[in-house]
Structure formats: structure tokens, C-alpha cells
């Protein structure tokens, strides 16, 4: 499977000044540009965020960047939460 077409689906919840990214599924870009999405959970806020998939080895090699943003989340916060894709997808 070509990993450049893989996506990770998140929902983002906010509590106070912090944002929490919850991985809820994966996706795949088809040849015609459409998306197939497989969800493991449904966001109660109705909002999903789709990002390119990054291999765990590439994520751990990067230095985490800190942000002075008001929401307390770093720009690479999603990178810390990415798990390996299931073998059946």
C-alpha cells in the first residue's frame, strides 16, 4: 500500500485553554481523489480533522516544537498521537 495516500482522522476537543487530539480512524485517497474513511469512533462534536499519515519512525526522529499559542497545544501535537496503522486496512 502506498503510504502517501494514507490519512489519519482526529477529533479535537477543548477543555479550558487546552486542546486534545483523539485519533478516531484512518483514511485512504482513491485514484479519483475521493476519500475512504474508516472510523473507530464517532465524534460527539460532529467535527473531524484529517491529516497525512506519518510513520512512527519519522515522528520520533523529529524534535517536538513548543508553541506559545493561547490554546496550549504545540504545532506537532498530532504527531505525538499517531499510532501504526492496522494491518487490515
PDB file of N, CA and C in Angstrom:
ATOM      1  N   UNK A   1       0.851  -1.182   0.000  1.00  0.00           N
ATOM      2  CA  UNK A   1       0.000   0.000   0.000  1.00  0.00           C
ATOM      3  C   UNK A   1       0.891   1.237   0.000  1.00  0.00           C
ATOM      4  N   UNK A   2       0.515   2.211  -0.797  1.00  0.00           N
ATOM      5  CA  UNK A   2       1.276   3.449  -0.921  1.00  0.00           C
ATOM      6  C   UNK A   2       0.931   4.380   0.237  1.00  0.00           C
ATOM      7  N   UNK A   3       1.904   4.676   1.104  1.00  0.00           N
ATOM      8  CA  UNK A   3       1.630   5.468   2.308  1.00  0.00           C
ATOM      9  C   UNK A   3       1.369   6.937   2.023  1.00  0.00           C
ATOM     10  N   UNK A   4       1.689   7.432   0.816  1.00  0.00           N
ATOM     11  CA  UNK A   4       1.419   8.843   0.532  1.00  0.00           C
ATOM     12  C   UNK A   4      -0.078   9.112   0.432  1.00  0.00           C
ATOM     13  N   UNK A   5      -0.873   8.072   0.234  1.00  0.00           N
ATOM     14  CA  UNK A   5      -2.325   8.229   0.144  1.00  0.00           C
ATOM     15  C   UNK A   5      -3.034   7.990   1.471  1.00  0.00           C
ATOM     16  N   UNK A   6      -2.304   7.652   2.521  1.00  0.00           N
ATOM     17  CA  UNK A   6      -2.907   7.360   3.818  1.00  0.00           C
ATOM     18  C   UNK A   6      -3.159   8.629   4.616  1.00  0.00           C
ATOM     19  N   UNK A   7      -4.256   8.633   5.344  1.00  0.00           N
ATOM     20  CA  UNK A   7      -4.636   9.765   6.196  1.00  0.00           C
ATOM     21  C   UNK A   7      -4.981   9.248   7.585  1.00  0.00           C
ATOM     22  N   UNK A   8      -4.929  10.123   8.560  1.00  0.00           N
ATOM     23  CA  UNK A   8      -5.346   9.817   9.927  1.00  0.00           C
ATOM     24  C   UNK A   8      -6.463  10.791  10.279  1.00  0.00           C
ATOM     25  N   UNK A   9      -7.516  10.276  10.921  1.00  0.00           N
ATOM     26  CA  UNK A   9      -8.683  11.089  11.263  1.00  0.00           C
ATOM     27  C   UNK A   9      -8.700  11.339  12.763  1.00  0.00           C
ATOM     28  N   UNK A  10      -8.862  12.596  13.140  1.00  0.00           N
ATOM     29  CA  UNK A  10      -8.895  13.012  14.545  1.00  0.00           C
ATOM     30  C   UNK A  10     -10.168  13.804  14.817  1.00  0.00           C
ATOM     31  N   UNK A  11     -10.540  13.862  16.075  1.00  0.00           N
ATOM     32  CA  UNK A  11     -11.461  14.870  16.551  1.00  0.00           C
ATOM     33  C   UNK A  11     -10.706  15.651  17.627  1.00  0.00           C
ATOM     34  N   UNK A  12     -10.972  16.934  17.713  1.00  0.00           N
ATOM     35  CA  UNK A  12     -10.249  17.792  18.654  1.00  0.00           C
ATOM     36  C   UNK A  12     -11.249  18.326  19.671  1.00  0.00           C
ATOM     37  N   UNK A  13     -10.968  18.057  20.937  1.00  0.00           N
ATOM     38  CA  UNK A  13     -11.816  18.592  21.994  1.00  0.00           C
ATOM     39  C   UNK A  13     -11.027  19.638  22.766  1.00  0.00           C
ATOM     40  N   UNK A  14     -11.735  20.607  23.273  1.00  0.00           N
ATOM     41  CA  UNK A  14     -11.092  21.677  24.042  1.00  0.00           C
ATOM     42  C   UNK A  14     -11.640  21.684  25.457  1.00  0.00           C
ATOM     43  N   UNK A  15     -10.712  21.725  26.397  1.00  0.00           N
ATOM     44  CA  UNK A  15     -11.064  21.822  27.814  1.00  0.00           C
ATOM     45  C   UNK A  15     -10.252  22.949  28.405  1.00  0.00           C
ATOM     46  N   UNK A  16     -10.932  24.000  28.760  1.00  0.00           N
ATOM     47  CA  UNK A  16     -10.224  25.176  29.258  1.00  0.00           C
ATOM     48  C   UNK A  16      -9.386  25.769  28.146  1.00  0.00           C
ATOM     49  N   UNK A  17      -8.104  25.942  28.409  1.00  0.00           N
ATOM     50  CA  UNK A  17      -7.197  26.512  27.423  1.00  0.00           C
ATOM     51  C   UNK A  17      -6.441  25.443  26.641  1.00  0.00           C
ATOM     52  N   UNK A  18      -6.735  24.164  26.865  1.00  0.00           N
ATOM     53  CA  UNK A  18      -6.009  23.069  26.211  1.00  0.00           C
ATOM     54  C   UNK A  18      -6.856  22.407  25.137  1.00  0.00           C
ATOM     55  N   UNK A  19      -6.195  21.932  24.098  1.00  0.00           N
ATOM     56  CA  UNK A  19      -6.837  21.163  23.035  1.00  0.00           C
ATOM     57  C   UNK A  19      -6.297  19.739  23.081  1.00  0.00           C
ATOM     58  N   UNK A  20      -7.183  18.766  22.925  1.00  0.00           N
ATOM     59  CA  UNK A  20      -6.800  17.363  22.941  1.00  0.00           C
ATOM     60  C   UNK A  20      -7.188  16.722  21.615  1.00  0.00           C
ATOM     61  N   UNK A  21      -6.217  16.054  20.998  1.00  0.00           N
ATOM     62  CA  UNK A  21      -6.428  15.380  19.719  1.00  0.00           C
ATOM     63  C   UNK A  21      -6.677  13.903  19.996  1.00  0.00           C
ATOM     64  N   UNK A  22      -7.810  13.392  19.504  1.00  0.00           N
ATOM     65  CA  UNK A  22      -8.175  11.999  19.693  1.00  0.00           C
ATOM     66  C   UNK A  22      -8.229  11.325  18.325  1.00  0.00           C
ATOM     67  N   UNK A  23      -7.407  10.305  18.138  1.00  0.00           N
ATOM     68  CA  UNK A  23      -7.421   9.581  16.869  1.00  0.00           C
ATOM     69  C   UNK A  23      -8.662   8.711  16.827  1.00  0.00           C
ATOM     70  N   UNK A  24      -9.481   8.890  15.786  1.00  0.00           N
ATOM     71  CA  UNK A  24     -10.729   8.141  15.701  1.00  0.00           C
ATOM     72  C   UNK A  24     -10.830   7.285  14.446  1.00  0.00           C
ATOM     73  N   UNK A  25      -9.818   7.316  13.582  1.00  0.00           N
ATOM     74  CA  UNK A  25      -9.881   6.477  12.392  1.00  0.00           C
ATOM     75  C   UNK A  25      -8.767   6.754  11.409  1.00  0.00           C
ATOM     76  N   UNK A  26      -8.882   6.116  10.237  1.00  0.00           N
ATOM     77  CA  UNK A  26      -7.905   6.258   9.166  1.00  0.00           C
ATOM     78  C   UNK A  26      -8.645   6.478   7.851  1.00  0.00           C
ATOM     79  N   UNK A  27      -7.911   6.944   6.858  1.00  0.00           N
ATOM     80  CA  UNK A  27      -8.496   7.162   5.544  1.00  0.00           C
ATOM     81  C   UNK A  27      -7.515   6.836   4.442  1.00  0.00           C
ATOM     82  N   UNK A  28      -8.033   6.721   3.223  1.00  0.00           N
ATOM     83  CA  UNK A  28      -7.220   6.431   2.067  1.00  0.00           C
ATOM     84  C   UNK A  28      -7.743   7.236   0.887  1.00  0.00           C
ATOM     85  N   UNK A  29      -6.845   7.889   0.153  1.00  0.00           N
ATOM     86  CA  UNK A  29      -7.222   8.674  -1.026  1.00  0.00           C
ATOM     87  C   UNK A  29      -7.279   7.734  -2.228  1.00  0.00           C
ATOM     88  N   UNK A  30      -8.416   7.722  -2.916  1.00  0.00           N
ATOM     89  CA  UNK A  30      -8.600   6.903  -4.114  1.00  0.00           C
ATOM     90  C   UNK A  30      -7.984   7.573  -5.330  1.00  0.00           C
ATOM     91  N   UNK A  31      -7.900   6.841  -6.428  1.00  0.00           N
ATOM     92  CA  UNK A  31      -7.315   7.380  -7.662  1.00  0.00           C
ATOM     93  C   UNK A  31      -8.040   8.624  -8.171  1.00  0.00           C
ATOM     94  N   UNK A  32      -9.345   8.690  -7.940  1.00  0.00           N
ATOM     95  CA  UNK A  32     -10.111   9.843  -8.418  1.00  0.00           C
ATOM     96  C   UNK A  32     -10.105  11.018  -7.437  1.00  0.00           C
ATOM     97  N   UNK A  33      -9.332  10.905  -6.338  1.00  0.00           N
ATOM     98  CA  UNK A  33      -9.225  11.988  -5.367  1.00  0.00           C
ATOM     99  C   UNK A  33     -10.226  11.900  -4.234  1.00  0.00           C
ATOM    100  N   UNK A  34     -11.178  10.978  -4.308  1.00  0.00           N
ATOM    101  CA  UNK A  34     -12.149  10.816  -3.230  1.00  0.00           C
ATOM    102  C   UNK A  34     -11.491  10.101  -2.044  1.00  0.00           C
ATOM    103  N   UNK A  35     -12.143  10.131  -0.895  1.00  0.00           N
ATOM    104  CA  UNK A  35     -11.602   9.535   0.329  1.00  0.00           C
ATOM    105  C   UNK A  35     -12.463   8.375   0.800  1.00  0.00           C
ATOM    106  N   UNK A  36     -11.827   7.306   1.230  1.00  0.00           N
ATOM    107  CA  UNK A  36     -12.486   6.256   2.000  1.00  0.00           C
ATOM    108  C   UNK A  36     -12.047   6.469   3.434  1.00  0.00           C
ATOM    109  N   UNK A  37     -13.004   6.565   4.351  1.00  0.00           N
ATOM    110  CA  UNK A  37     -12.711   6.801   5.763  1.00  0.00           C
ATOM    111  C   UNK A  37     -13.249   5.633   6.573  1.00  0.00           C
ATOM    112  N   UNK A  38     -12.416   5.097   7.460  1.00  0.00           N
ATOM    113  CA  UNK A  38     -12.836   4.031   8.367  1.00  0.00           C
ATOM    114  C   UNK A  38     -12.717   4.569   9.788  1.00  0.00           C
ATOM    115  N   UNK A  39     -13.855   4.757  10.453  1.00  0.00           N
ATOM    116  CA  UNK A  39     -13.877   5.318  11.800  1.00  0.00           C
ATOM    117  C   UNK A  39     -13.982   4.227  12.847  1.00  0.00           C
ATOM    118  N   UNK A  40     -13.221   4.391  13.929  1.00  0.00           N
ATOM    119  CA  UNK A  40     -13.314   3.527  15.092  1.00  0.00           C
ATOM    120  C   UNK A  40     -14.208   4.157  16.157  1.00  0.00           C
ATOM    121  N   UNK A  41     -14.464   5.436  16.015  1.00  0.00           N
ATOM    122  CA  UNK A  41     -15.312   6.176  16.951  1.00  0.00           C
ATOM    123  C   UNK A  41     -15.969   7.312  16.176  1.00  0.00           C
ATOM    124  N   UNK A  42     -17.058   7.823  16.715  1.00  0.00           N
ATOM    125  CA  UNK A  42     -17.762   8.945  16.098  1.00  0.00           C
ATOM    126  C   UNK A  42     -17.634  10.151  17.023  1.00  0.00           C
ATOM    127  N   UNK A  43     -17.177  11.285  16.502  1.00  0.00           N
ATOM    128  CA  UNK A  43     -17.008  12.457  17.373  1.00  0.00           C
ATOM    129  C   UNK A  43     -18.361  13.023  17.799  1.00  0.00           C
ATOM    130  N   UNK A  44     -18.509  13.287  19.085  1.00  0.00           N
ATOM    131  CA  UNK A  44     -19.769  13.838  19.581  1.00  0.00           C
ATOM    132  C   UNK A  44     -19.941  15.296  19.180  1.00  0.00           C
ATOM    133  N   UNK A  45     -18.829  15.988  18.879  1.00  0.00           N
ATOM    134  CA  UNK A  45     -18.939  17.381  18.461  1.00  0.00           C
ATOM    135  C   UNK A  45     -19.202  17.510  16.967  1.00  0.00           C
ATOM    136  N   UNK A  46     -19.215  16.369  16.237  1.00  0.00           N
ATOM    137  CA  UNK A  46     -19.527  16.386  14.811  1.00  0.00           C
ATOM    138  C   UNK A  46     -18.402  16.868  13.917  1.00  0.00           C
ATOM    139  N   UNK A  47     -17.223  17.101  14.469  1.00  0.00           N
ATOM    140  CA  UNK A  47     -16.112  17.643  13.685  1.00  0.00           C
ATOM    141  C   UNK A  47     -14.982  16.628  13.601  1.00  0.00           C
ATOM    142  N   UNK A  48     -14.482  16.434  12.368  1.00  0.00           N
ATOM    143  CA  UNK A  48     -13.338  15.552  12.155  1.00  0.00           C
ATOM    144  C   UNK A  48     -12.230  16.346  11.477  1.00  0.00           C
ATOM    145  N   UNK A  49     -10.998  15.986  11.790  1.00  0.00           N
ATOM    146  CA  UNK A  49      -9.815  16.630  11.215  1.00  0.00           C
ATOM    147  C   UNK A  49      -8.986  15.531  10.559  1.00  0.00           C
ATOM    148  N   UNK A  50      -8.685  15.683   9.256  1.00  0.00           N
ATOM    149  CA  UNK A  50      -7.948  14.661   8.517  1.00  0.00           C
ATOM    150  C   UNK A  50      -6.558  15.191   8.196  1.00  0.00           C
ATOM    151  N   UNK A  51      -5.532  14.386   8.514  1.00  0.00           N
ATOM    152  CA  UNK A  51      -4.146  14.754   8.254  1.00  0.00           C
ATOM    153  C   UNK A  51      -3.435  13.629   7.534  1.00  0.00           C
ATOM    154  N   UNK A  52      -2.328  13.969   6.863  1.00  0.00           N
ATOM    155  CA  UNK A  52      -1.492  12.950   6.241  1.00  0.00           C
ATOM    156  C   UNK A  52      -0.919  12.040   7.311  1.00  0.00           C
ATOM    157  N   UNK A  53      -0.828  10.760   7.006  1.00  0.00           N
ATOM    158  CA  UNK A  53      -0.250   9.781   7.909  1.00  0.00           C
ATOM    159  C   UNK A  53       1.260   9.914   7.900  1.00  0.00           C
ATOM    160  N   UNK A  54       1.883   9.789   9.071  1.00  0.00           N
ATOM    161  CA  UNK A  54       3.328   9.821   9.209  1.00  0.00           C
ATOM    162  C   UNK A  54       3.765   8.573   9.950  1.00  0.00           C
ATOM    163  N   UNK A  55       4.786   7.902   9.435  1.00  0.00           N
ATOM    164  CA  UNK A  55       5.280   6.691  10.089  1.00  0.00           C
ATOM    165  C   UNK A  55       5.838   7.005  11.463  1.00  0.00           C
ATOM    166  N   UNK A  56       5.692   6.091  12.381  1.00  0.00           N
ATOM    167  CA  UNK A  56       6.165   6.301  13.761  1.00  0.00           C
ATOM    168  C   UNK A  56       7.654   6.612  13.803  1.00  0.00           C
ATOM    169  N   UNK A  57       8.464   5.965  12.957  1.00  0.00           N
ATOM    170  CA  UNK A  57       9.903   6.223  12.939  1.00  0.00           C
ATOM    171  C   UNK A  57      10.211   7.663  12.560  1.00  0.00           C
ATOM    172  N   UNK A  58       9.459   8.226  11.625  1.00  0.00           N
ATOM    173  CA  UNK A  58       9.686   9.611  11.221  1.00  0.00           C
ATOM    174  C   UNK A  58       9.272  10.573  12.328  1.00  0.00           C
ATOM    175  N   UNK A  59       8.225  10.238  13.056  1.00  0.00           N
ATOM    176  CA  UNK A  59       7.733  11.110  14.124  1.00  0.00           C
ATOM    177  C   UNK A  59       8.731  11.188  15.261  1.00  0.00           C
ATOM    178  N   UNK A  60       9.293  10.052  15.683  1.00  0.00           N
ATOM    179  CA  UNK A  60      10.219  10.058  16.813  1.00  0.00           C
ATOM    180  C   UNK A  60      11.546  10.712  16.467  1.00  0.00           C
ATOM    181  N   UNK A  61      11.879  10.786  15.172  1.00  0.00           N
ATOM    182  CA  UNK A  61      13.133  11.418  14.759  1.00  0.00           C
ATOM    183  C   UNK A  61      13.036  12.938  14.802  1.00  0.00           C
ATOM    184  N   UNK A  62      11.812  13.474  14.784  1.00  0.00           N
ATOM    185  CA  UNK A  62      11.628  14.918  14.784  1.00  0.00           C
ATOM    186  C   UNK A  62      11.653  15.447  16.212  1.00  0.00           C
ATOM    187  N   UNK A  63      12.176  16.647  16.362  1.00  0.00           N
ATOM    188  CA  UNK A  63      12.162  17.311  17.659  1.00  0.00           C
ATOM    189  C   UNK A  63      10.788  17.931  17.868  1.00  0.00           C
ATOM    190  N   UNK A  64      10.139  17.682  19.003  1.00  0.00           N
ATOM    191  CA  UNK A  64       8.847  18.332  19.256  1.00  0.00           C
ATOM    192  C   UNK A  64       9.033  19.840  19.392  1.00  0.00           C
ATOM    193  N   UNK A  65       8.159  20.587  18.752  1.00  0.00           N
ATOM    194  CA  UNK A  65       8.232  22.045  18.806  1.00  0.00           C
ATOM    195  C   UNK A  65       7.232  22.556  19.813  1.00  0.00           C
ATOM    196  N   UNK A  66       7.642  23.524  20.595  1.00  0.00           N
ATOM    197  CA  UNK A  66       6.748  24.129  21.572  1.00  0.00           C
ATOM    198  C   UNK A  66       6.148  25.384  20.978  1.00  0.00           C
ATOM    199  N   UNK A  67       4.912  25.634  21.358  1.00  0.00           N
ATOM    200  CA  UNK A  67       4.201  26.793  20.854  1.00  0.00           C
ATOM    201  C   UNK A  67       3.822  27.693  22.024  1.00  0.00           C
ATOM    202  N   UNK A  68       3.827  28.981  21.788  1.00  0.00           N
ATOM    203  CA  UNK A  68       3.383  29.926  22.806  1.00  0.00           C
ATOM    204  C   UNK A  68       1.941  30.316  22.582  1.00  0.00           C
ATOM    205  N   UNK A  69       1.211  29.514  21.783  1.00  0.00           N
ATOM    206  CA  UNK A  69      -0.175  29.805  21.465  1.00  0.00           C
ATOM    207  C   UNK A  69      -1.054  29.780  22.700  1.00  0.00           C
ATOM    208  N   UNK A  70      -2.190  30.426  22.605  1.00  0.00           N
ATOM    209  CA  UNK A  70      -3.082  30.556  23.748  1.00  0.00           C
ATOM    210  C   UNK A  70      -3.796  29.252  24.080  1.00  0.00           C
ATOM    211  N   UNK A  71      -3.897  28.315  23.118  1.00  0.00           N
ATOM    212  CA  UNK A  71      -4.620  27.089  23.421  1.00  0.00           C
ATOM    213  C   UNK A  71      -3.744  26.039  24.075  1.00  0.00           C
ATOM    214  N   UNK A  72      -2.452  26.259  24.188  1.00  0.00           N
ATOM    215  CA  UNK A  72      -1.562  25.361  24.895  1.00  0.00           C
ATOM    216  C   UNK A  72      -1.135  24.150  24.096  1.00  0.00           C
ATOM    217  N   UNK A  73      -1.588  24.023  22.853  1.00  0.00           N
ATOM    218  CA  UNK A  73      -1.219  22.872  22.032  1.00  0.00           C
ATOM    219  C   UNK A  73      -0.043  23.234  21.153  1.00  0.00           C
ATOM    220  N   UNK A  74       0.877  22.311  20.989  1.00  0.00           N
ATOM    221  CA  UNK A  74       2.009  22.562  20.110  1.00  0.00           C
ATOM    222  C   UNK A  74       1.616  22.252  18.676  1.00  0.00           C
ATOM    223  N   UNK A  75       2.393  22.770  17.729  1.00  0.00           N
ATOM    224  CA  UNK A  75       2.098  22.539  16.326  1.00  0.00           C
ATOM    225  C   UNK A  75       2.220  21.073  15.966  1.00  0.00           C
ATOM    226  N   UNK A  76       3.065  20.327  16.651  1.00  0.00           N
ATOM    227  CA  UNK A  76       3.257  18.914  16.373  1.00  0.00           C
ATOM    228  C   UNK A  76       2.514  18.029  17.355  1.00  0.00           C
ATOM    229  N   UNK A  77       1.497  18.544  18.011  1.00  0.00           N
ATOM    230  CA  UNK A  77       0.766  17.749  18.996  1.00  0.00           C
ATOM    231  C   UNK A  77       0.172  16.505  18.370  1.00  0.00           C
ATOM    232  N   UNK A  78      -0.296  16.603  17.130  1.00  0.00           N
ATOM    233  CA  UNK A  78      -0.889  15.434  16.484  1.00  0.00           C
ATOM    234  C   UNK A  78       0.150  14.378  16.206  1.00  0.00           C
ATOM    235  N   UNK A  79       1.388  14.751  15.947  1.00  0.00           N
ATOM    236  CA  UNK A  79       2.438  13.799  15.633  1.00  0.00           C
ATOM    237  C   UNK A  79       2.715  12.864  16.801  1.00  0.00           C
ATOM    238  N   UNK A  80       2.531  13.321  18.008  1.00  0.00           N
ATOM    239  CA  UNK A  80       2.791  12.504  19.177  1.00  0.00           C
ATOM    240  C   UNK A  80       1.738  11.413  19.338  1.00  0.00           C
ATOM    241  N   UNK A  81       0.565  11.583  18.725  1.00  0.00           N
ATOM    242  CA  UNK A  81      -0.537  10.663  18.925  1.00  0.00           C
ATOM    243  C   UNK A  81      -0.692   9.638  17.812  1.00  0.00           C
ATOM    244  N   UNK A  82       0.098   9.735  16.770  1.00  0.00           N
ATOM    245  CA  UNK A  82      -0.076   8.846  15.629  1.00  0.00           C
ATOM    246  C   UNK A  82       0.439   7.457  15.967  1.00  0.00           C
ATOM    247  N   UNK A  83      -0.433   6.464  15.794  1.00  0.00           N
ATOM    248  CA  UNK A  83      -0.055   5.069  16.013  1.00  0.00           C
ATOM    249  C   UNK A  83       0.128   4.398  14.658  1.00  0.00           C
ATOM    250  N   UNK A  84       0.680   3.201  14.679  1.00  0.00           N
ATOM    251  CA  UNK A  84       0.810   2.440  13.440  1.00  0.00           C
ATOM    252  C   UNK A  84      -0.571   2.101  12.913  1.00  0.00           C
ATOM    253  N   UNK A  85      -0.709   2.082  11.613  1.00  0.00           N
ATOM    254  CA  UNK A  85      -1.982   1.727  11.009  1.00  0.00           C
ATOM    255  C   UNK A  85      -2.254   0.248  11.198  1.00  0.00           C
ATOM    256  N   UNK A  86      -3.533  -0.128  11.339  1.00  0.00           N
ATOM    257  CA  UNK A  86      -3.850  -1.544  11.462  1.00  0.00           C
ATOM    258  C   UNK A  86      -3.505  -2.280  10.174  1.00  0.00           C
ATOM    259  N   UNK A  87      -3.047  -3.497  10.295  1.00  0.00           N
ATOM    260  CA  UNK A  87      -2.627  -4.282   9.150  1.00  0.00           C
ATOM    261  C   UNK A  87      -3.760  -4.649   8.213  1.00  0.00           C
ATOM    262  N   UNK A  88      -5.006  -4.555   8.661  1.00  0.00           N
ATOM    263  CA  UNK A  88      -6.133  -4.970   7.821  1.00  0.00           C
ATOM    264  C   UNK A  88      -6.641  -3.863   6.929  1.00  0.00           C
ATOM    265  N   UNK A  89      -6.178  -2.660   7.098  1.00  0.00           N
ATOM    266  CA  UNK A  89      -6.706  -1.545   6.295  1.00  0.00           C
ATOM    267  C   UNK A  89      -6.049  -1.469   4.967  1.00  0.00           C
TER     268      UNK A  89
END
